[in-house]
Amino acid sequence: MSDAGRAGAPTAAAIATADALTGFTREVFVSAGMSDGHAAIVADVLVWASLRGVDSHGVARIPMYVRLIDDGDMNLTPSITVRTETVASVFFDADRAAGPIAMTTATHAAVRKARDAGIGMALVRATTHTAALGYYTLMAAHEGMAAISVSASTPFMAYHGTRVAGVSTNPISIAVPGGERGPVVLDMSTGVVARGRLVQASKAGQPIPAGWALDRNGNPTTDPREALVLLPQGGPKGSGLSLMIELITSLVASNPIIAEALEGTDEGGRHRQNGLVLAIDLRRYGDPLAFRAQVDRLIAALKALPLAPGVVEVLVPGERGGRTYGERSAGGVPVPPGIMEELRVVADRFRVPMFRSTR
């Protein structure tokens, strides 16, 4: 970054290469006490999200991860253990590992089980922020699997019909291999937006659209600094889906999150998450090449449909992110000034050289 950038003169985002962001992120977490291997995984997952334009789950999360370490919620040297294992499933206790560590471990296990049994499930208990779930379902898709992943977290979204936080914006991702177009991946929050989008708007001082959030009094707001409670996607649909993700992950893993938080227990005040990855080996149920061809066929048919007024192109899940990935891989990742300053604080604390802007 230039001296002018350090003085705070420019307001434009810095531009960093993926390699620079990856190296910086890895060095931060190694300096914080992670092993080289774990730090490399965390860096890869966060930078992947930034490359795809999922900035709310990218390198902007580094300061949050540092806070989780400071609070004792993220374990830098976890002992991830198997609590239960069957022919088609594995149940891990993640020992408060960084989410990318726990979820990549789970994905590898789900894929391995699917190779043996046709379908494989990995359940994760007691991890931390799982990052962008699309990373893990795409991992499985690249192995020839169809995959589903969900994760459960603490409440900061209104349950439909209430005006306070009752559930989380629990995300879900689904991915399948594709043909010439590549895999198709859906990665969505059960909230109108992910919480990270709200945080980013607050840091940038930008108003948020009506219908995103409520303030501490339960009233609608467009001021991100006043926004406290996110609203669910599709009202009862989003909050219902979030609730079911809590039931099928946290309660199955015997690690309830929402009830503990709503009742105000000591455990309910801590950051923790649970996750699940399901993989399906397509070879067990048909010709994988035919499947990929049919994916392309369906996409082509959808894109050939008449467009609605004002629409210039039909997009399928993950297509916009894939294009952004290509653009940012070639031209660099924009890092807003507010995020740059937070990362600079982290860099100074751990005595890690700050990555340079290519702008």
Protein backbone atom coordinates (compact mmCIF):
# COMPACT_ATOMS: atom_id res chain seq x y z
CA MET A 1 0.00 0.00 0.00
CA SER A 2 1.34 3.50 -0.81
CA ASP A 3 2.15 6.12 1.85
CA ALA A 4 -0.86 8.07 0.62
CA GLY A 5 -2.99 5.01 1.27
CA ARG A 6 -1.59 4.80 4.80
CA ALA A 7 -2.45 8.43 5.39
CA GLY A 8 -6.03 7.66 4.44
CA ALA A 9 -6.18 10.01 1.44
CA PRO A 10 -7.68 7.62 -1.17
CA THR A 11 -11.16 6.30 -0.54
CA ALA A 12 -11.16 3.76 -3.37
CA ALA A 13 -10.75 0.08 -2.55
CA ALA A 14 -7.29 -1.43 -2.66
CA ILE A 15 -6.76 -4.19 -5.20
CA ALA A 16 -4.89 -7.32 -4.10
CA THR A 17 -3.95 -10.45 -5.97
CA ALA A 18 -5.26 -13.78 -4.76
CA ASP A 19 -1.72 -14.94 -4.04
CA ALA A 20 -1.03 -11.86 -1.91
CA LEU A 21 -4.24 -12.31 0.09
CA THR A 22 -3.61 -16.02 0.53
CA GLY A 23 -0.07 -15.47 1.75
CA PHE A 24 -1.14 -12.71 4.12
CA THR A 25 -4.01 -14.73 5.58
CA ARG A 26 -1.84 -17.80 6.07
CA GLU A 27 0.89 -15.79 7.80
CA VAL A 28 -1.62 -14.14 10.15
CA PHE A 29 -2.98 -17.44 11.41
CA VAL A 30 0.41 -19.11 11.63
CA SER A 31 1.57 -16.15 13.71
CA ALA A 32 -1.57 -16.50 15.83
CA GLY A 33 -0.64 -20.12 16.61
CA MET A 34 -2.20 -22.32 13.90
CA SER A 35 -0.24 -25.04 12.18
CA ASP A 36 0.96 -24.30 8.65
CA GLY A 37 -1.48 -26.85 7.22
CA HIS A 38 -4.51 -25.49 9.04
CA ALA A 39 -3.62 -21.88 8.26
CA ALA A 40 -3.30 -22.77 4.57
CA ILE A 41 -6.79 -24.29 4.55
CA VAL A 42 -8.36 -21.28 6.29
CA ALA A 43 -6.59 -18.95 3.85
CA ASP A 44 -7.75 -20.92 0.82
CA VAL A 45 -11.40 -20.97 1.96
CA LEU A 46 -11.54 -17.26 2.83
CA VAL A 47 -9.76 -16.09 -0.32
CA TRP A 48 -11.96 -18.36 -2.45
CA ALA A 49 -15.01 -16.53 -1.11
CA SER A 50 -13.42 -13.15 -1.85
CA LEU A 51 -12.60 -14.26 -5.39
CA ARG A 52 -16.22 -15.27 -5.99
CA GLY A 53 -17.53 -11.94 -4.73
CA VAL A 54 -18.83 -13.38 -1.47
CA ASP A 55 -16.93 -10.65 0.36
CA SER A 56 -18.99 -11.05 3.53
CA HIS A 57 -17.36 -14.46 4.01
CA GLY A 58 -13.92 -13.69 2.59
CA VAL A 59 -10.82 -12.02 4.00
CA ALA A 60 -13.07 -9.49 5.73
CA ARG A 61 -13.67 -12.28 8.26
CA ILE A 62 -10.02 -12.33 9.42
CA PRO A 63 -10.57 -9.79 12.25
CA MET A 64 -13.62 -11.77 13.43
CA TYR A 65 -11.60 -14.98 13.52
CA VAL A 66 -8.95 -13.18 15.58
CA ARG A 67 -11.64 -12.09 18.03
CA LEU A 68 -12.85 -15.69 18.29
CA ILE A 69 -9.31 -16.69 19.17
CA ASP A 70 -9.06 -13.92 21.78
CA ASP A 71 -12.40 -14.94 23.31
CA GLY A 72 -11.31 -18.56 23.59
CA ASP A 73 -14.05 -19.67 21.20
CA MET A 74 -11.72 -20.80 18.38
CA ASN A 75 -9.20 -23.49 19.26
CA LEU A 76 -5.93 -23.04 17.34
CA THR A 77 -4.77 -26.60 18.07
CA PRO A 78 -7.97 -28.66 17.98
CA SER A 79 -8.16 -32.39 18.44
CA ILE A 80 -10.89 -33.36 15.98
CA THR A 81 -12.23 -36.74 17.03
CA VAL A 82 -14.73 -39.26 15.68
CA ARG A 83 -17.62 -39.78 18.11
CA THR A 84 -19.57 -42.23 15.96
CA GLU A 85 -18.89 -43.91 12.62
CA THR A 86 -21.02 -46.17 10.44
CA VAL A 87 -20.69 -47.50 6.91
CA ALA A 88 -22.21 -44.31 5.47
CA SER A 89 -21.62 -41.68 8.16
CA VAL A 90 -19.12 -40.02 10.46
CA PHE A 91 -19.86 -37.82 13.47
CA PHE A 92 -17.01 -35.46 14.39
CA ASP A 93 -16.40 -33.45 17.52
CA ALA A 94 -14.46 -30.49 16.11
CA ASP A 95 -13.13 -29.26 19.46
CA ARG A 96 -13.88 -25.63 18.49
CA ALA A 97 -11.70 -25.83 15.37
CA ALA A 98 -11.81 -23.08 12.78
CA GLY A 99 -14.83 -23.78 10.60
CA PRO A 100 -12.84 -24.31 7.37
CA ILE A 101 -10.74 -26.98 9.12
CA ALA A 102 -13.74 -28.85 10.49
CA MET A 103 -15.80 -28.59 7.31
CA THR A 104 -13.04 -29.67 4.91
CA THR A 105 -12.41 -32.64 7.21
CA ALA A 106 -16.12 -33.43 7.10
CA THR A 107 -16.32 -33.07 3.32
CA HIS A 108 -13.41 -35.44 2.72
CA ALA A 109 -15.07 -37.95 5.04
CA ALA A 110 -18.49 -37.62 3.37
CA VAL A 111 -16.94 -38.18 -0.06
CA ARG A 112 -15.00 -41.20 1.20
CA LYS A 113 -18.14 -42.71 2.70
CA ALA A 114 -20.08 -42.06 -0.50
CA ARG A 115 -17.43 -43.91 -2.50
CA ASP A 116 -18.00 -46.94 -0.27
CA ALA A 117 -21.75 -46.78 0.34
CA GLY A 118 -23.15 -44.63 -2.48
CA ILE A 119 -24.06 -41.90 -0.03
CA GLY A 120 -22.03 -40.39 2.78
CA MET A 121 -22.83 -38.01 5.61
CA ALA A 122 -20.51 -36.15 7.95
CA LEU A 123 -21.92 -34.35 10.98
CA VAL A 124 -19.82 -31.75 12.77
CA ARG A 125 -20.27 -30.80 16.40
CA ALA A 126 -18.75 -27.72 18.06
CA THR A 127 -16.93 -25.85 15.34
CA THR A 128 -16.75 -22.10 14.70
CA HIS A 129 -17.70 -19.90 11.73
CA THR A 130 -17.97 -22.33 8.83
CA ALA A 131 -17.26 -19.72 6.09
CA ALA A 132 -18.86 -20.06 2.62
CA LEU A 133 -20.52 -23.47 2.38
CA GLY A 134 -20.25 -23.46 -1.41
CA TYR A 135 -16.54 -24.19 -1.04
CA TYR A 136 -17.30 -27.58 0.50
CA THR A 137 -20.11 -28.64 -1.82
CA LEU A 138 -17.94 -27.70 -4.81
CA MET A 139 -15.14 -29.82 -3.32
CA ALA A 140 -17.50 -32.77 -3.48
CA ALA A 141 -18.80 -31.85 -6.95
CA HIS A 142 -15.25 -31.87 -8.29
CA GLU A 143 -15.02 -35.44 -6.96
CA GLY A 144 -18.05 -36.43 -9.03
CA MET A 145 -20.52 -36.08 -6.18
CA ALA A 146 -23.80 -34.27 -5.70
CA ALA A 147 -23.58 -32.58 -2.32
CA ILE A 148 -25.61 -30.71 0.28
CA SER A 149 -24.21 -28.77 3.23
CA VAL A 150 -25.84 -26.79 6.03
CA SER A 151 -24.58 -25.09 9.17
CA ALA A 152 -26.25 -23.82 12.33
CA SER A 153 -25.28 -20.79 14.38
CA THR A 154 -26.43 -18.40 17.12
CA PRO A 155 -29.64 -16.33 16.75
CA PHE A 156 -29.51 -12.91 15.09
CA MET A 157 -32.47 -13.24 12.69
CA ALA A 158 -36.14 -12.77 13.52
CA TYR A 159 -38.37 -15.82 13.52
CA HIS A 160 -41.38 -14.97 11.32
CA GLY A 161 -44.00 -13.19 13.37
CA THR A 162 -41.58 -11.88 16.01
CA ARG A 163 -39.51 -8.69 16.25
CA VAL A 164 -36.43 -10.03 18.02
CA ALA A 165 -33.69 -12.50 17.13
CA GLY A 166 -35.00 -16.06 17.40
CA VAL A 167 -33.06 -18.07 14.82
CA SER A 168 -29.88 -17.72 12.77
CA THR A 169 -29.38 -17.01 9.08
CA ASN A 170 -28.38 -20.67 8.80
CA PRO A 171 -27.05 -21.21 5.25
CA ILE A 172 -27.54 -24.09 2.84
CA SER A 173 -25.50 -25.06 -0.20
CA ILE A 174 -26.23 -27.64 -2.90
CA ALA A 175 -23.85 -28.49 -5.74
CA VAL A 176 -23.76 -30.96 -8.61
CA PRO A 177 -21.14 -31.68 -11.27
CA GLY A 178 -21.82 -30.20 -14.69
CA GLY A 179 -20.62 -30.68 -18.22
CA GLU A 180 -18.95 -27.99 -20.31
CA ARG A 181 -20.45 -25.27 -18.13
CA GLY A 182 -18.91 -26.74 -14.99
CA PRO A 183 -20.59 -27.48 -11.65
CA VAL A 184 -23.80 -25.80 -10.56
CA VAL A 185 -23.71 -24.52 -6.98
CA LEU A 186 -26.35 -22.87 -4.84
CA ASP A 187 -25.07 -21.15 -1.69
CA MET A 188 -27.65 -19.09 0.15
CA SER A 189 -28.50 -17.66 3.53
CA THR A 190 -31.92 -18.26 5.03
CA GLY A 191 -31.99 -14.53 5.77
CA VAL A 192 -32.79 -11.84 3.24
CA VAL A 193 -29.03 -11.30 3.28
CA ALA A 194 -26.11 -12.84 5.13
CA ARG A 195 -25.13 -11.09 8.35
CA GLY A 196 -21.75 -10.24 6.85
CA ARG A 197 -23.47 -8.00 4.26
CA LEU A 198 -24.93 -5.96 7.10
CA VAL A 199 -21.53 -5.64 8.77
CA GLN A 200 -19.94 -4.54 5.51
CA ALA A 201 -22.60 -1.87 4.95
CA SER A 202 -22.04 -0.56 8.47
CA LYS A 203 -18.29 -0.31 7.96
CA ALA A 204 -18.78 1.44 4.63
CA GLY A 205 -21.41 3.81 6.06
CA GLN A 206 -23.86 2.80 3.33
CA PRO A 207 -27.63 2.58 3.93
CA ILE A 208 -29.23 -0.82 3.59
CA PRO A 209 -32.43 -1.54 1.63
CA ALA A 210 -35.75 -1.55 3.42
CA GLY A 211 -36.77 -5.06 4.39
CA TRP A 212 -33.31 -6.21 5.45
CA ALA A 213 -33.34 -5.65 9.18
CA LEU A 214 -34.95 -4.35 12.37
CA ASP A 215 -33.46 -2.08 15.03
CA ARG A 216 -33.17 -2.92 18.74
CA ASN A 217 -36.78 -1.86 19.25
CA GLY A 218 -38.04 -4.20 16.54
CA ASN A 219 -38.71 -1.43 14.04
CA PRO A 220 -37.64 -1.55 10.36
CA THR A 221 -34.45 0.40 9.62
CA THR A 222 -32.22 1.28 6.69
CA ASP A 223 -29.35 2.44 8.92
CA PRO A 224 -26.82 -0.43 9.18
CA ARG A 225 -25.50 1.01 12.45
CA GLU A 226 -28.95 0.64 14.00
CA ALA A 227 -29.74 -2.71 12.40
CA LEU A 228 -29.65 -5.46 15.00
CA VAL A 229 -32.00 -8.20 13.79
CA LEU A 230 -31.98 -9.55 10.24
CA LEU A 231 -35.19 -10.59 8.52
CA PRO A 232 -35.80 -14.07 7.06
CA GLN A 233 -35.88 -14.84 3.35
CA GLY A 234 -39.51 -15.31 2.30
CA GLY A 235 -40.86 -14.72 5.80
CA PRO A 236 -42.05 -18.05 7.24
CA LYS A 237 -40.13 -20.01 4.61
CA GLY A 238 -36.73 -18.62 5.54
CA SER A 239 -37.26 -18.79 9.28
CA GLY A 240 -38.76 -22.27 9.01
CA LEU A 241 -35.81 -23.52 6.98
CA SER A 242 -33.40 -21.99 9.49
CA LEU A 243 -35.21 -23.72 12.34
CA MET A 244 -35.07 -27.09 10.57
CA ILE A 245 -31.32 -26.69 9.98
CA GLU A 246 -30.88 -26.16 13.74
CA LEU A 247 -32.95 -29.28 14.41
CA ILE A 248 -31.17 -31.50 11.90
CA THR A 249 -27.65 -30.41 12.83
CA SER A 250 -27.39 -29.03 16.35
CA LEU A 251 -29.94 -31.32 17.99
CA VAL A 252 -28.75 -34.40 16.13
CA ALA A 253 -25.22 -33.49 17.23
CA SER A 254 -26.44 -33.08 20.84
CA ASN A 255 -25.12 -29.51 20.83
CA PRO A 256 -28.17 -27.19 20.92
CA ILE A 257 -27.42 -23.56 20.05
CA ILE A 258 -30.67 -21.61 19.68
CA ALA A 259 -32.47 -22.77 22.85
CA GLU A 260 -29.34 -22.14 24.93
CA ALA A 261 -29.07 -18.61 23.57
CA LEU A 262 -32.76 -17.77 23.95
CA GLU A 263 -32.78 -19.05 27.52
CA GLY A 264 -29.66 -17.04 28.33
CA THR A 265 -27.49 -19.89 29.58
CA ASP A 266 -23.72 -19.46 29.93
CA GLU A 267 -23.13 -21.76 26.95
CA GLY A 268 -25.68 -19.81 24.93
CA GLY A 269 -23.53 -16.70 25.05
CA ARG A 270 -20.57 -18.31 23.31
CA HIS A 271 -19.88 -18.42 19.58
CA ARG A 272 -20.24 -21.94 18.26
CA GLN A 273 -21.58 -23.66 15.18
CA ASN A 274 -22.51 -27.13 13.98
CA GLY A 275 -22.44 -28.40 10.41
CA LEU A 276 -23.43 -31.22 8.09
CA VAL A 277 -22.17 -32.40 4.69
CA LEU A 278 -23.98 -34.98 2.57
CA ALA A 279 -22.37 -36.48 -0.55
CA ILE A 280 -23.97 -38.70 -3.20
CA ASP A 281 -21.79 -40.75 -5.55
CA LEU A 282 -23.45 -40.36 -8.94
CA ARG A 283 -21.74 -43.46 -10.31
CA ARG A 284 -23.91 -45.65 -8.08
CA TYR A 285 -27.14 -44.43 -9.67
CA GLY A 286 -26.40 -43.93 -13.34
CA ASP A 287 -23.83 -42.80 -15.88
CA PRO A 288 -21.94 -39.77 -14.48
CA LEU A 289 -21.20 -38.47 -17.97
CA ALA A 290 -24.87 -38.68 -18.90
CA PHE A 291 -25.72 -36.80 -15.72
CA ARG A 292 -23.33 -33.99 -16.61
CA ALA A 293 -24.76 -33.81 -20.13
CA GLN A 294 -28.28 -33.60 -18.74
CA VAL A 295 -27.22 -30.74 -16.43
CA ASP A 296 -25.99 -28.80 -19.46
CA ARG A 297 -29.14 -29.69 -21.40
CA LEU A 298 -31.39 -28.36 -18.64
CA ILE A 299 -29.39 -25.16 -18.26
CA ALA A 300 -29.52 -24.53 -22.00
CA ALA A 301 -33.29 -25.03 -21.97
CA LEU A 302 -33.71 -22.56 -19.09
CA LYS A 303 -31.55 -19.96 -20.79
CA ALA A 304 -33.62 -20.26 -23.96
CA LEU A 305 -36.85 -19.29 -22.18
CA PRO A 306 -38.46 -15.90 -22.96
CA LEU A 307 -37.04 -13.19 -20.73
CA ALA A 308 -39.11 -11.15 -18.30
CA PRO A 309 -39.20 -7.36 -18.86
CA GLY A 310 -35.91 -5.72 -17.95
CA VAL A 311 -34.00 -9.02 -17.74
CA VAL A 312 -31.03 -9.40 -20.08
CA GLU A 313 -29.94 -12.93 -19.19
CA VAL A 314 -31.08 -16.00 -17.28
CA LEU A 315 -28.50 -17.02 -14.69
CA VAL A 316 -28.22 -20.32 -12.84
CA PRO A 317 -26.96 -20.73 -9.26
CA GLY A 318 -23.27 -19.98 -8.94
CA GLU A 319 -22.91 -18.50 -12.42
CA ARG A 320 -22.40 -14.92 -11.27
CA GLY A 321 -19.89 -16.06 -8.66
CA GLY A 322 -18.00 -18.09 -11.24
CA ARG A 323 -17.68 -15.06 -13.51
CA THR A 324 -16.54 -12.91 -10.62
CA TYR A 325 -13.97 -15.56 -9.73
CA GLY A 326 -12.53 -15.34 -13.23
CA GLU A 327 -12.48 -11.56 -13.22
CA ARG A 328 -10.89 -11.26 -9.80
CA SER A 329 -8.38 -14.02 -10.46
CA ALA A 330 -7.15 -11.98 -13.40
CA GLY A 331 -7.60 -8.43 -12.11
CA GLY A 332 -7.36 -8.75 -8.35
CA VAL A 333 -9.72 -8.60 -5.37
CA PRO A 334 -11.06 -5.20 -4.22
CA VAL A 335 -10.59 -4.60 -0.49
CA PRO A 336 -12.62 -1.63 0.84
CA PRO A 337 -10.81 1.01 2.93
CA GLY A 338 -12.57 0.02 6.14
CA ILE A 339 -11.55 -3.61 5.74
CA MET A 340 -7.99 -2.56 4.85
CA GLU A 341 -7.70 -0.66 8.12
CA GLU A 342 -8.96 -3.63 10.12
CA LEU A 343 -6.52 -5.93 8.35
CA ARG A 344 -3.72 -3.47 8.99
CA VAL A 345 -4.46 -3.63 12.72
CA VAL A 346 -4.26 -7.42 12.55
CA ALA A 347 -1.02 -7.23 10.55
CA ASP A 348 0.56 -4.89 13.09
CA ARG A 349 -0.51 -7.06 16.00
CA PHE A 350 1.01 -10.23 14.58
CA ARG A 351 3.93 -8.43 12.90
CA VAL A 352 2.93 -9.74 9.49
CA PRO A 353 3.81 -7.67 6.40
CA MET A 354 0.73 -6.02 4.93
CA PHE A 355 -0.06 -7.12 1.37
CA ARG A 356 0.41 -4.44 -1.25
CA SER A 357 -2.28 -2.98 -3.44
CA THR A 358 -1.81 -3.34 -7.18
CA ARG A 359 -3.93 -0.26 -7.87
